[in-house]
């Protein structure tokens, strides 16, 4: 159950971080304005809070593992929100990152 909670928190964190960055991108690069930028900044703040809810207390481990979720989530977000089509190497790279995340977070440890 602990792994499921952790994975769900990573998914929620990704939603807020990637979504927040996308909103800022839209506000600045696509000239959608300050409301989009402000919403993005708020979402990025929520991401920072959600990351603290992970059951593991090691900041470095959480953020390193989250990097793998961010890579895969960013590709998925781009595909859904912007019509980006990842190629096979994008998919392979994302799977490698997710495997790395799983090792970092969920490998058995003696500590």
PDB file of N, CA and C in Angstrom:
ATOM      1  N   UNK A   1       0.820  -1.192   0.000  1.00  0.00           N
ATOM      2  CA  UNK A   1       0.000   0.000   0.000  1.00  0.00           C
ATOM      3  C   UNK A   1       0.863   1.255   0.000  1.00  0.00           C
ATOM      4  N   UNK A   2       2.026   1.191   0.642  1.00  0.00           N
ATOM      5  CA  UNK A   2       2.921   2.338   0.703  1.00  0.00           C
ATOM      6  C   UNK A   2       3.423   2.715  -0.691  1.00  0.00           C
ATOM      7  N   UNK A   3       3.715   1.721  -1.517  1.00  0.00           N
ATOM      8  CA  UNK A   3       4.175   1.992  -2.879  1.00  0.00           C
ATOM      9  C   UNK A   3       3.050   2.629  -3.697  1.00  0.00           C
ATOM     10  N   UNK A   4       1.837   2.149  -3.548  1.00  0.00           N
ATOM     11  CA  UNK A   4       0.712   2.728  -4.287  1.00  0.00           C
ATOM     12  C   UNK A   4       0.498   4.189  -3.890  1.00  0.00           C
ATOM     13  N   UNK A   5       0.591   4.486  -2.604  1.00  0.00           N
ATOM     14  CA  UNK A   5       0.442   5.879  -2.138  1.00  0.00           C
ATOM     15  C   UNK A   5       1.552   6.745  -2.711  1.00  0.00           C
ATOM     16  N   UNK A   6       2.764   6.245  -2.659  1.00  0.00           N
ATOM     17  CA  UNK A   6       3.901   6.990  -3.178  1.00  0.00           C
ATOM     18  C   UNK A   6       3.755   7.249  -4.680  1.00  0.00           C
ATOM     19  N   UNK A   7       3.368   6.224  -5.428  1.00  0.00           N
ATOM     20  CA  UNK A   7       3.187   6.371  -6.877  1.00  0.00           C
ATOM     21  C   UNK A   7       2.083   7.380  -7.186  1.00  0.00           C
ATOM     22  N   UNK A   8       0.998   7.342  -6.407  1.00  0.00           N
ATOM     23  CA  UNK A   8      -0.089   8.300  -6.611  1.00  0.00           C
ATOM     24  C   UNK A   8       0.379   9.729  -6.328  1.00  0.00           C
ATOM     25  N   UNK A   9       1.179   9.896  -5.281  1.00  0.00           N
ATOM     26  CA  UNK A   9       1.714  11.220  -4.979  1.00  0.00           C
ATOM     27  C   UNK A   9       2.640  11.713  -6.093  1.00  0.00           C
ATOM     28  N   UNK A  10       3.437  10.813  -6.666  1.00  0.00           N
ATOM     29  CA  UNK A  10       4.284  11.207  -7.796  1.00  0.00           C
ATOM     30  C   UNK A  10       3.413  11.653  -8.972  1.00  0.00           C
ATOM     31  N   UNK A  11       2.327  10.953  -9.226  1.00  0.00           N
ATOM     32  CA  UNK A  11       1.445  11.318 -10.337  1.00  0.00           C
ATOM     33  C   UNK A  11       0.801  12.685 -10.099  1.00  0.00           C
ATOM     34  N   UNK A  12       0.343  12.940  -8.879  1.00  0.00           N
ATOM     35  CA  UNK A  12      -0.265  14.237  -8.557  1.00  0.00           C
ATOM     36  C   UNK A  12       0.783  15.346  -8.661  1.00  0.00           C
ATOM     37  N   UNK A  13       1.975  15.080  -8.129  1.00  0.00           N
ATOM     38  CA  UNK A  13       3.052  16.070  -8.227  1.00  0.00           C
ATOM     39  C   UNK A  13       3.360  16.395  -9.683  1.00  0.00           C
ATOM     40  N   UNK A  14       3.407  15.370 -10.519  1.00  0.00           N
ATOM     41  CA  UNK A  14       3.682  15.590 -11.945  1.00  0.00           C
ATOM     42  C   UNK A  14       2.598  16.430 -12.589  1.00  0.00           C
ATOM     43  N   UNK A  15       1.356  16.155 -12.242  1.00  0.00           N
ATOM     44  CA  UNK A  15       0.251  16.925 -12.791  1.00  0.00           C
ATOM     45  C   UNK A  15       0.427  18.417 -12.487  1.00  0.00           C
ATOM     46  N   UNK A  16       0.760  18.729 -11.240  1.00  0.00           N
ATOM     47  CA  UNK A  16       0.911  20.133 -10.861  1.00  0.00           C
ATOM     48  C   UNK A  16       2.196  20.753 -11.402  1.00  0.00           C
ATOM     49  N   UNK A  17       3.301  20.020 -11.379  1.00  0.00           N
ATOM     50  CA  UNK A  17       4.547  20.630 -11.865  1.00  0.00           C
ATOM     51  C   UNK A  17       4.526  20.802 -13.378  1.00  0.00           C
ATOM     52  N   UNK A  18       4.206  19.751 -14.087  1.00  0.00           N
ATOM     53  CA  UNK A  18       4.203  19.830 -15.545  1.00  0.00           C
ATOM     54  C   UNK A  18       3.091  20.765 -16.011  1.00  0.00           C
ATOM     55  N   UNK A  19       1.922  20.651 -15.385  1.00  0.00           N
ATOM     56  CA  UNK A  19       0.829  21.550 -15.719  1.00  0.00           C
ATOM     57  C   UNK A  19       1.173  23.001 -15.429  1.00  0.00           C
ATOM     58  N   UNK A  20       1.818  23.243 -14.306  1.00  0.00           N
ATOM     59  CA  UNK A  20       2.223  24.606 -13.964  1.00  0.00           C
ATOM     60  C   UNK A  20       3.235  25.160 -14.946  1.00  0.00           C
ATOM     61  N   UNK A  21       4.225  24.354 -15.287  1.00  0.00           N
ATOM     62  CA  UNK A  21       5.221  24.804 -16.259  1.00  0.00           C
ATOM     63  C   UNK A  21       4.568  25.049 -17.618  1.00  0.00           C
ATOM     64  N   UNK A  22       3.621  24.194 -18.000  1.00  0.00           N
ATOM     65  CA  UNK A  22       2.915  24.365 -19.270  1.00  0.00           C
ATOM     66  C   UNK A  22       2.106  25.662 -19.274  1.00  0.00           C
ATOM     67  N   UNK A  23       1.442  25.953 -18.161  1.00  0.00           N
ATOM     68  CA  UNK A  23       0.673  27.192 -18.072  1.00  0.00           C
ATOM     69  C   UNK A  23       1.575  28.416 -18.202  1.00  0.00           C
ATOM     70  N   UNK A  24       2.719  28.403 -17.534  1.00  0.00           N
ATOM     71  CA  UNK A  24       3.665  29.513 -17.665  1.00  0.00           C
ATOM     72  C   UNK A  24       4.138  29.617 -19.114  1.00  0.00           C
ATOM     73  N   UNK A  25       4.465  28.481 -19.714  1.00  0.00           N
ATOM     74  CA  UNK A  25       4.891  28.456 -21.123  1.00  0.00           C
ATOM     75  C   UNK A  25       3.821  29.091 -22.018  1.00  0.00           C
ATOM     76  N   UNK A  26       2.569  28.676 -21.798  1.00  0.00           N
ATOM     77  CA  UNK A  26       1.477  29.224 -22.599  1.00  0.00           C
ATOM     78  C   UNK A  26       1.340  30.737 -22.382  1.00  0.00           C
ATOM     79  N   UNK A  27       1.452  31.163 -21.146  1.00  0.00           N
ATOM     80  CA  UNK A  27       1.333  32.579 -20.837  1.00  0.00           C
ATOM     81  C   UNK A  27       2.411  33.426 -21.480  1.00  0.00           C
ATOM     82  N   UNK A  28       3.644  32.905 -21.478  1.00  0.00           N
ATOM     83  CA  UNK A  28       4.774  33.672 -22.007  1.00  0.00           C
ATOM     84  C   UNK A  28       4.973  33.424 -23.496  1.00  0.00           C
ATOM     85  N   UNK A  29       5.181  32.175 -23.864  1.00  0.00           N
ATOM     86  CA  UNK A  29       5.547  31.856 -25.254  1.00  0.00           C
ATOM     87  C   UNK A  29       4.382  31.964 -26.222  1.00  0.00           C
ATOM     88  N   UNK A  30       3.186  31.681 -25.743  1.00  0.00           N
ATOM     89  CA  UNK A  30       2.003  31.746 -26.610  1.00  0.00           C
ATOM     90  C   UNK A  30       1.196  33.020 -26.374  1.00  0.00           C
ATOM     91  N   UNK A  31       1.745  33.919 -25.553  1.00  0.00           N
ATOM     92  CA  UNK A  31       1.163  35.250 -25.316  1.00  0.00           C
ATOM     93  C   UNK A  31      -0.277  35.189 -24.788  1.00  0.00           C
ATOM     94  N   UNK A  32      -0.506  34.262 -23.862  1.00  0.00           N
ATOM     95  CA  UNK A  32      -1.857  34.142 -23.300  1.00  0.00           C
ATOM     96  C   UNK A  32      -2.052  35.017 -22.062  1.00  0.00           C
ATOM     97  N   UNK A  33      -0.990  35.567 -21.544  1.00  0.00           N
ATOM     98  CA  UNK A  33      -1.116  36.584 -20.509  1.00  0.00           C
ATOM     99  C   UNK A  33      -0.820  36.146 -19.093  1.00  0.00           C
ATOM    100  N   UNK A  34      -0.976  37.129 -18.223  1.00  0.00           N
ATOM    101  CA  UNK A  34      -0.607  36.977 -16.818  1.00  0.00           C
ATOM    102  C   UNK A  34      -1.495  36.017 -16.039  1.00  0.00           C
ATOM    103  N   UNK A  35      -2.726  35.874 -16.436  1.00  0.00           N
ATOM    104  CA  UNK A  35      -3.608  34.931 -15.727  1.00  0.00           C
ATOM    105  C   UNK A  35      -3.059  33.514 -15.873  1.00  0.00           C
ATOM    106  N   UNK A  36      -2.627  33.149 -17.078  1.00  0.00           N
ATOM    107  CA  UNK A  36      -2.044  31.829 -17.309  1.00  0.00           C
ATOM    108  C   UNK A  36      -0.744  31.683 -16.526  1.00  0.00           C
ATOM    109  N   UNK A  37       0.066  32.710 -16.544  1.00  0.00           N
ATOM    110  CA  UNK A  37       1.336  32.668 -15.812  1.00  0.00           C
ATOM    111  C   UNK A  37       1.073  32.521 -14.320  1.00  0.00           C
ATOM    112  N   UNK A  38       0.146  33.317 -13.795  1.00  0.00           N
ATOM    113  CA  UNK A  38      -0.175  33.242 -12.368  1.00  0.00           C
ATOM    114  C   UNK A  38      -0.715  31.878 -11.970  1.00  0.00           C
ATOM    115  N   UNK A  39      -1.573  31.311 -12.803  1.00  0.00           N
ATOM    116  CA  UNK A  39      -2.097  29.966 -12.523  1.00  0.00           C
ATOM    117  C   UNK A  39      -0.964  28.945 -12.523  1.00  0.00           C
ATOM    118  N   UNK A  40      -0.025  29.122 -13.439  1.00  0.00           N
ATOM    119  CA  UNK A  40       1.128  28.222 -13.487  1.00  0.00           C
ATOM    120  C   UNK A  40       1.992  28.320 -12.252  1.00  0.00           C
ATOM    121  N   UNK A  41       2.221  29.532 -11.794  1.00  0.00           N
ATOM    122  CA  UNK A  41       3.027  29.736 -10.583  1.00  0.00           C
ATOM    123  C   UNK A  41       2.337  29.089  -9.375  1.00  0.00           C
ATOM    124  N   UNK A  42       1.030  29.253  -9.279  1.00  0.00           N
ATOM    125  CA  UNK A  42       0.286  28.611  -8.180  1.00  0.00           C
ATOM    126  C   UNK A  42       0.390  27.086  -8.252  1.00  0.00           C
ATOM    127  N   UNK A  43       0.232  26.541  -9.452  1.00  0.00           N
ATOM    128  CA  UNK A  43       0.334  25.087  -9.615  1.00  0.00           C
ATOM    129  C   UNK A  43       1.725  24.592  -9.237  1.00  0.00           C
ATOM    130  N   UNK A  44       2.752  25.348  -9.595  1.00  0.00           N
ATOM    131  CA  UNK A  44       4.118  24.950  -9.227  1.00  0.00           C
ATOM    132  C   UNK A  44       4.300  24.963  -7.714  1.00  0.00           C
ATOM    133  N   UNK A  45       3.663  25.902  -7.040  1.00  0.00           N
ATOM    134  CA  UNK A  45       3.706  25.918  -5.579  1.00  0.00           C
ATOM    135  C   UNK A  45       3.026  24.703  -4.972  1.00  0.00           C
ATOM    136  N   UNK A  46       1.894  24.312  -5.539  1.00  0.00           N
ATOM    137  CA  UNK A  46       1.193  23.112  -5.061  1.00  0.00           C
ATOM    138  C   UNK A  46       2.070  21.879  -5.267  1.00  0.00           C
ATOM    139  N   UNK A  47       2.743  21.805  -6.411  1.00  0.00           N
ATOM    140  CA  UNK A  47       3.678  20.700  -6.657  1.00  0.00           C
ATOM    141  C   UNK A  47       4.684  20.594  -5.516  1.00  0.00           C
ATOM    142  N   UNK A  48       5.281  21.721  -5.132  1.00  0.00           N
ATOM    143  CA  UNK A  48       6.276  21.696  -4.054  1.00  0.00           C
ATOM    144  C   UNK A  48       5.704  21.153  -2.760  1.00  0.00           C
ATOM    145  N   UNK A  49       4.458  21.478  -2.482  1.00  0.00           N
ATOM    146  CA  UNK A  49       3.801  20.967  -1.287  1.00  0.00           C
ATOM    147  C   UNK A  49       3.535  19.468  -1.403  1.00  0.00           C
ATOM    148  N   UNK A  50       3.011  19.032  -2.549  1.00  0.00           N
ATOM    149  CA  UNK A  50       2.675  17.614  -2.735  1.00  0.00           C
ATOM    150  C   UNK A  50       3.920  16.743  -2.568  1.00  0.00           C
ATOM    151  N   UNK A  51       5.056  17.227  -3.055  1.00  0.00           N
ATOM    152  CA  UNK A  51       6.295  16.444  -2.936  1.00  0.00           C
ATOM    153  C   UNK A  51       6.647  16.160  -1.481  1.00  0.00           C
ATOM    154  N   UNK A  52       6.261  17.041  -0.566  1.00  0.00           N
ATOM    155  CA  UNK A  52       6.577  16.833   0.850  1.00  0.00           C
ATOM    156  C   UNK A  52       5.746  15.730   1.484  1.00  0.00           C
ATOM    157  N   UNK A  53       4.697  15.287   0.808  1.00  0.00           N
ATOM    158  CA  UNK A  53       3.806  14.267   1.371  1.00  0.00           C
ATOM    159  C   UNK A  53       4.292  12.840   1.144  1.00  0.00           C
ATOM    160  N   UNK A  54       5.392  12.677   0.406  1.00  0.00           N
ATOM    161  CA  UNK A  54       5.945  11.340   0.185  1.00  0.00           C
ATOM    162  C   UNK A  54       6.297  10.694   1.520  1.00  0.00           C
ATOM    163  N   UNK A  55       6.081   9.379   1.654  1.00  0.00           N
ATOM    164  CA  UNK A  55       6.389   8.704   2.922  1.00  0.00           C
ATOM    165  C   UNK A  55       7.883   8.684   3.255  1.00  0.00           C
ATOM    166  N   UNK A  56       8.746   8.675   2.259  1.00  0.00           N
ATOM    167  CA  UNK A  56      10.193   8.705   2.481  1.00  0.00           C
ATOM    168  C   UNK A  56      10.593  10.120   2.882  1.00  0.00           C
ATOM    169  N   UNK A  57      11.488  10.247   3.837  1.00  0.00           N
ATOM    170  CA  UNK A  57      11.855  11.564   4.357  1.00  0.00           C
ATOM    171  C   UNK A  57      13.103  12.154   3.699  1.00  0.00           C
ATOM    172  N   UNK A  58      13.715  11.460   2.770  1.00  0.00           N
ATOM    173  CA  UNK A  58      14.956  11.934   2.161  1.00  0.00           C
ATOM    174  C   UNK A  58      14.670  12.792   0.931  1.00  0.00           C
ATOM    175  N   UNK A  59      14.894  14.096   1.077  1.00  0.00           N
ATOM    176  CA  UNK A  59      14.628  15.055   0.005  1.00  0.00           C
ATOM    177  C   UNK A  59      15.340  14.666  -1.287  1.00  0.00           C
ATOM    178  N   UNK A  60      16.624  14.361  -1.195  1.00  0.00           N
ATOM    179  CA  UNK A  60      17.393  14.021  -2.388  1.00  0.00           C
ATOM    180  C   UNK A  60      16.841  12.810  -3.111  1.00  0.00           C
ATOM    181  N   UNK A  61      16.449  11.800  -2.370  1.00  0.00           N
ATOM    182  CA  UNK A  61      15.895  10.588  -2.973  1.00  0.00           C
ATOM    183  C   UNK A  61      14.562  10.890  -3.655  1.00  0.00           C
ATOM    184  N   UNK A  62      13.707  11.643  -2.988  1.00  0.00           N
ATOM    185  CA  UNK A  62      12.395  11.959  -3.553  1.00  0.00           C
ATOM    186  C   UNK A  62      12.545  12.742  -4.852  1.00  0.00           C
ATOM    187  N   UNK A  63      13.358  13.793  -4.833  1.00  0.00           N
ATOM    188  CA  UNK A  63      13.484  14.620  -6.030  1.00  0.00           C
ATOM    189  C   UNK A  63      14.229  13.891  -7.144  1.00  0.00           C
ATOM    190  N   UNK A  64      15.196  13.069  -6.805  1.00  0.00           N
ATOM    191  CA  UNK A  64      15.884  12.284  -7.840  1.00  0.00           C
ATOM    192  C   UNK A  64      14.920  11.301  -8.494  1.00  0.00           C
ATOM    193  N   UNK A  65      14.137  10.619  -7.689  1.00  0.00           N
ATOM    194  CA  UNK A  65      13.172   9.667  -8.236  1.00  0.00           C
ATOM    195  C   UNK A  65      12.094  10.391  -9.031  1.00  0.00           C
ATOM    196  N   UNK A  66      11.658  11.533  -8.535  1.00  0.00           N
ATOM    197  CA  UNK A  66      10.633  12.282  -9.234  1.00  0.00           C
ATOM    198  C   UNK A  66      11.102  12.683 -10.634  1.00  0.00           C
ATOM    199  N   UNK A  67      12.407  12.848 -10.812  1.00  0.00           N
ATOM    200  CA  UNK A  67      12.931  13.183 -12.139  1.00  0.00           C
ATOM    201  C   UNK A  67      12.479  12.198 -13.201  1.00  0.00           C
ATOM    202  N   UNK A  68      12.439  10.916 -12.870  1.00  0.00           N
ATOM    203  CA  UNK A  68      11.976   9.908 -13.827  1.00  0.00           C
ATOM    204  C   UNK A  68      10.506  10.072 -14.155  1.00  0.00           C
ATOM    205  N   UNK A  69       9.716  10.400 -13.140  1.00  0.00           N
ATOM    206  CA  UNK A  69       8.287  10.630 -13.354  1.00  0.00           C
ATOM    207  C   UNK A  69       8.092  11.875 -14.217  1.00  0.00           C
ATOM    208  N   UNK A  70       8.906  12.897 -13.953  1.00  0.00           N
ATOM    209  CA  UNK A  70       8.813  14.143 -14.713  1.00  0.00           C
ATOM    210  C   UNK A  70       9.099  13.910 -16.198  1.00  0.00           C
ATOM    211  N   UNK A  71      10.120  13.115 -16.503  1.00  0.00           N
ATOM    212  CA  UNK A  71      10.465  12.842 -17.904  1.00  0.00           C
ATOM    213  C   UNK A  71       9.291  12.165 -18.611  1.00  0.00           C
ATOM    214  N   UNK A  72       8.798  11.080 -18.036  1.00  0.00           N
ATOM    215  CA  UNK A  72       7.690  10.348 -18.664  1.00  0.00           C
ATOM    216  C   UNK A  72       6.427  11.207 -18.711  1.00  0.00           C
ATOM    217  N   UNK A  73       6.146  11.903 -17.632  1.00  0.00           N
ATOM    218  CA  UNK A  73       4.958  12.743 -17.580  1.00  0.00           C
ATOM    219  C   UNK A  73       5.005  13.891 -18.573  1.00  0.00           C
ATOM    220  N   UNK A  74       6.175  14.458 -18.779  1.00  0.00           N
ATOM    221  CA  UNK A  74       6.314  15.561 -19.733  1.00  0.00           C
ATOM    222  C   UNK A  74       6.019  15.104 -21.154  1.00  0.00           C
ATOM    223  N   UNK A  75       6.504  13.930 -21.495  1.00  0.00           N
ATOM    224  CA  UNK A  75       6.213  13.391 -22.826  1.00  0.00           C
ATOM    225  C   UNK A  75       4.713  13.120 -22.979  1.00  0.00           C
ATOM    226  N   UNK A  76       4.107  12.564 -21.947  1.00  0.00           N
ATOM    227  CA  UNK A  76       2.668  12.294 -22.000  1.00  0.00           C
ATOM    228  C   UNK A  76       1.878  13.597 -22.086  1.00  0.00           C
ATOM    229  N   UNK A  77       2.263  14.597 -21.307  1.00  0.00           N
ATOM    230  CA  UNK A  77       1.568  15.888 -21.333  1.00  0.00           C
ATOM    231  C   UNK A  77       1.660  16.497 -22.725  1.00  0.00           C
ATOM    232  N   UNK A  78       2.866  16.475 -23.296  1.00  0.00           N
ATOM    233  CA  UNK A  78       3.042  17.024 -24.635  1.00  0.00           C
ATOM    234  C   UNK A  78       2.174  16.322 -25.663  1.00  0.00           C
ATOM    235  N   UNK A  79       2.036  15.014 -25.526  1.00  0.00           N
ATOM    236  CA  UNK A  79       1.204  14.253 -26.464  1.00  0.00           C
ATOM    237  C   UNK A  79      -0.268  14.633 -26.326  1.00  0.00           C
ATOM    238  N   UNK A  80      -0.735  14.795 -25.087  1.00  0.00           N
ATOM    239  CA  UNK A  80      -2.144  15.095 -24.859  1.00  0.00           C
ATOM    240  C   UNK A  80      -2.457  16.576 -25.105  1.00  0.00           C
ATOM    241  N   UNK A  81      -1.645  17.460 -24.557  1.00  0.00           N
ATOM    242  CA  UNK A  81      -1.962  18.888 -24.591  1.00  0.00           C
ATOM    243  C   UNK A  81      -1.524  19.588 -25.872  1.00  0.00           C
ATOM    244  N   UNK A  82      -0.451  19.105 -26.481  1.00  0.00           N
ATOM    245  CA  UNK A  82       0.108  19.823 -27.633  1.00  0.00           C
ATOM    246  C   UNK A  82       0.180  19.000 -28.908  1.00  0.00           C
ATOM    247  N   UNK A  83      -0.282  17.770 -28.866  1.00  0.00           N
ATOM    248  CA  UNK A  83      -0.249  16.943 -30.066  1.00  0.00           C
ATOM    249  C   UNK A  83       1.125  16.406 -30.426  1.00  0.00           C
ATOM    250  N   UNK A  84       2.068  16.497 -29.487  1.00  0.00           N
ATOM    251  CA  UNK A  84       3.419  15.963 -29.716  1.00  0.00           C
ATOM    252  C   UNK A  84       3.351  14.449 -29.772  1.00  0.00           C
ATOM    253  N   UNK A  85       4.035  13.842 -30.702  1.00  0.00           N
ATOM    254  CA  UNK A  85       4.046  12.390 -30.813  1.00  0.00           C
ATOM    255  C   UNK A  85       5.439  11.860 -30.500  1.00  0.00           C
ATOM    256  N   UNK A  86       5.598  11.292 -29.300  1.00  0.00           N
ATOM    257  CA  UNK A  86       6.912  10.746 -28.944  1.00  0.00           C
ATOM    258  C   UNK A  86       7.304   9.641 -29.915  1.00  0.00           C
ATOM    259  N   UNK A  87       8.588   9.602 -30.270  1.00  0.00           N
ATOM    260  CA  UNK A  87       9.056   8.498 -31.101  1.00  0.00           C
ATOM    261  C   UNK A  87       9.498   7.353 -30.192  1.00  0.00           C
ATOM    262  N   UNK A  88       9.942   6.275 -30.801  1.00  0.00           N
ATOM    263  CA  UNK A  88      10.281   5.087 -29.996  1.00  0.00           C
ATOM    264  C   UNK A  88      11.406   5.374 -29.008  1.00  0.00           C
ATOM    265  N   UNK A  89      12.322   6.276 -29.348  1.00  0.00           N
ATOM    266  CA  UNK A  89      13.431   6.574 -28.442  1.00  0.00           C
ATOM    267  C   UNK A  89      12.963   7.431 -27.274  1.00  0.00           C
ATOM    268  N   UNK A  90      11.993   8.285 -27.500  1.00  0.00           N
ATOM    269  CA  UNK A  90      11.376   9.009 -26.388  1.00  0.00           C
ATOM    270  C   UNK A  90      10.754   8.017 -25.410  1.00  0.00           C
ATOM    271  N   UNK A  91      10.033   7.045 -25.951  1.00  0.00           N
ATOM    272  CA  UNK A  91       9.360   6.048 -25.115  1.00  0.00           C
ATOM    273  C   UNK A  91      10.382   5.193 -24.376  1.00  0.00           C
ATOM    274  N   UNK A  92      11.408   4.742 -25.068  1.00  0.00           N
ATOM    275  CA  UNK A  92      12.462   3.936 -24.423  1.00  0.00           C
ATOM    276  C   UNK A  92      13.128   4.753 -23.319  1.00  0.00           C
ATOM    277  N   UNK A  93      13.461   5.997 -23.618  1.00  0.00           N
ATOM    278  CA  UNK A  93      14.091   6.849 -22.610  1.00  0.00           C
ATOM    279  C   UNK A  93      13.207   7.048 -21.396  1.00  0.00           C
ATOM    280  N   UNK A  94      11.914   7.267 -21.621  1.00  0.00           N
ATOM    281  CA  UNK A  94      10.986   7.444 -20.505  1.00  0.00           C
ATOM    282  C   UNK A  94      10.894   6.170 -19.665  1.00  0.00           C
ATOM    283  N   UNK A  95      10.877   5.016 -20.319  1.00  0.00           N
ATOM    284  CA  UNK A  95      10.830   3.755 -19.570  1.00  0.00           C
ATOM    285  C   UNK A  95      12.093   3.543 -18.743  1.00  0.00           C
ATOM    286  N   UNK A  96      13.239   3.907 -19.310  1.00  0.00           N
ATOM    287  CA  UNK A  96      14.499   3.826 -18.553  1.00  0.00           C
ATOM    288  C   UNK A  96      14.428   4.735 -17.328  1.00  0.00           C
ATOM    289  N   UNK A  97      13.913   5.946 -17.523  1.00  0.00           N
ATOM    290  CA  UNK A  97      13.789   6.873 -16.397  1.00  0.00           C
ATOM    291  C   UNK A  97      12.845   6.335 -15.318  1.00  0.00           C
ATOM    292  N   UNK A  98      11.730   5.746 -15.740  1.00  0.00           N
ATOM    293  CA  UNK A  98      10.797   5.170 -14.762  1.00  0.00           C
ATOM    294  C   UNK A  98      11.400   3.975 -14.044  1.00  0.00           C
ATOM    295  N   UNK A  99      12.189   3.189 -14.758  1.00  0.00           N
ATOM    296  CA  UNK A  99      12.876   2.073 -14.102  1.00  0.00           C
ATOM    297  C   UNK A  99      13.867   2.607 -13.068  1.00  0.00           C
ATOM    298  N   UNK A 100      14.581   3.665 -13.421  1.00  0.00           N
ATOM    299  CA  UNK A 100      15.497   4.287 -12.465  1.00  0.00           C
ATOM    300  C   UNK A 100      14.764   4.819 -11.248  1.00  0.00           C
ATOM    301  N   UNK A 101      13.607   5.432 -11.473  1.00  0.00           N
ATOM    302  CA  UNK A 101      12.798   5.925 -10.367  1.00  0.00           C
ATOM    303  C   UNK A 101      12.400   4.783  -9.438  1.00  0.00           C
ATOM    304  N   UNK A 102      11.985   3.666 -10.020  1.00  0.00           N
ATOM    305  CA  UNK A 102      11.561   2.524  -9.207  1.00  0.00           C
ATOM    306  C   UNK A 102      12.716   1.974  -8.376  1.00  0.00           C
ATOM    307  N   UNK A 103      13.902   1.923  -8.966  1.00  0.00           N
ATOM    308  CA  UNK A 103      15.073   1.452  -8.218  1.00  0.00           C
ATOM    309  C   UNK A 103      15.386   2.408  -7.067  1.00  0.00           C
ATOM    310  N   UNK A 104      15.402   3.699  -7.368  1.00  0.00           N
ATOM    311  CA  UNK A 104      15.727   4.691  -6.337  1.00  0.00           C
ATOM    312  C   UNK A 104      14.721   4.639  -5.187  1.00  0.00           C
ATOM    313  N   UNK A 105      13.447   4.564  -5.504  1.00  0.00           N
ATOM    314  CA  UNK A 105      12.416   4.657  -4.474  1.00  0.00           C
ATOM    315  C   UNK A 105      12.087   3.343  -3.786  1.00  0.00           C
ATOM    316  N   UNK A 106      12.054   2.261  -4.544  1.00  0.00           N
ATOM    317  CA  UNK A 106      11.404   1.070  -4.011  1.00  0.00           C
ATOM    318  C   UNK A 106      12.313  -0.156  -3.872  1.00  0.00           C
ATOM    319  N   UNK A 107      13.595  -0.003  -4.177  1.00  0.00           N
ATOM    320  CA  UNK A 107      14.518  -1.137  -3.993  1.00  0.00           C
ATOM    321  C   UNK A 107      14.635  -1.428  -2.488  1.00  0.00           C
ATOM    322  N   UNK A 108      14.735  -2.707  -2.133  1.00  0.00           N
ATOM    323  CA  UNK A 108      14.894  -3.036  -0.713  1.00  0.00           C
ATOM    324  C   UNK A 108      16.213  -2.479  -0.179  1.00  0.00           C
ATOM    325  N   UNK A 109      16.155  -1.920   0.997  1.00  0.00           N
ATOM    326  CA  UNK A 109      17.353  -1.339   1.619  1.00  0.00           C
ATOM    327  C   UNK A 109      17.499  -1.921   3.020  1.00  0.00           C
ATOM    328  N   UNK A 110      18.720  -1.956   3.448  1.00  0.00           N
ATOM    329  CA  UNK A 110      18.992  -2.448   4.787  1.00  0.00           C
ATOM    330  C   UNK A 110      19.042  -1.351   5.831  1.00  0.00           C
ATOM    331  N   UNK A 111      18.751  -0.104   5.425  1.00  0.00           N
ATOM    332  CA  UNK A 111      18.863   1.014   6.382  1.00  0.00           C
ATOM    333  C   UNK A 111      17.627   1.232   7.116  1.00  0.00           C
TER     334      UNK A 111
END
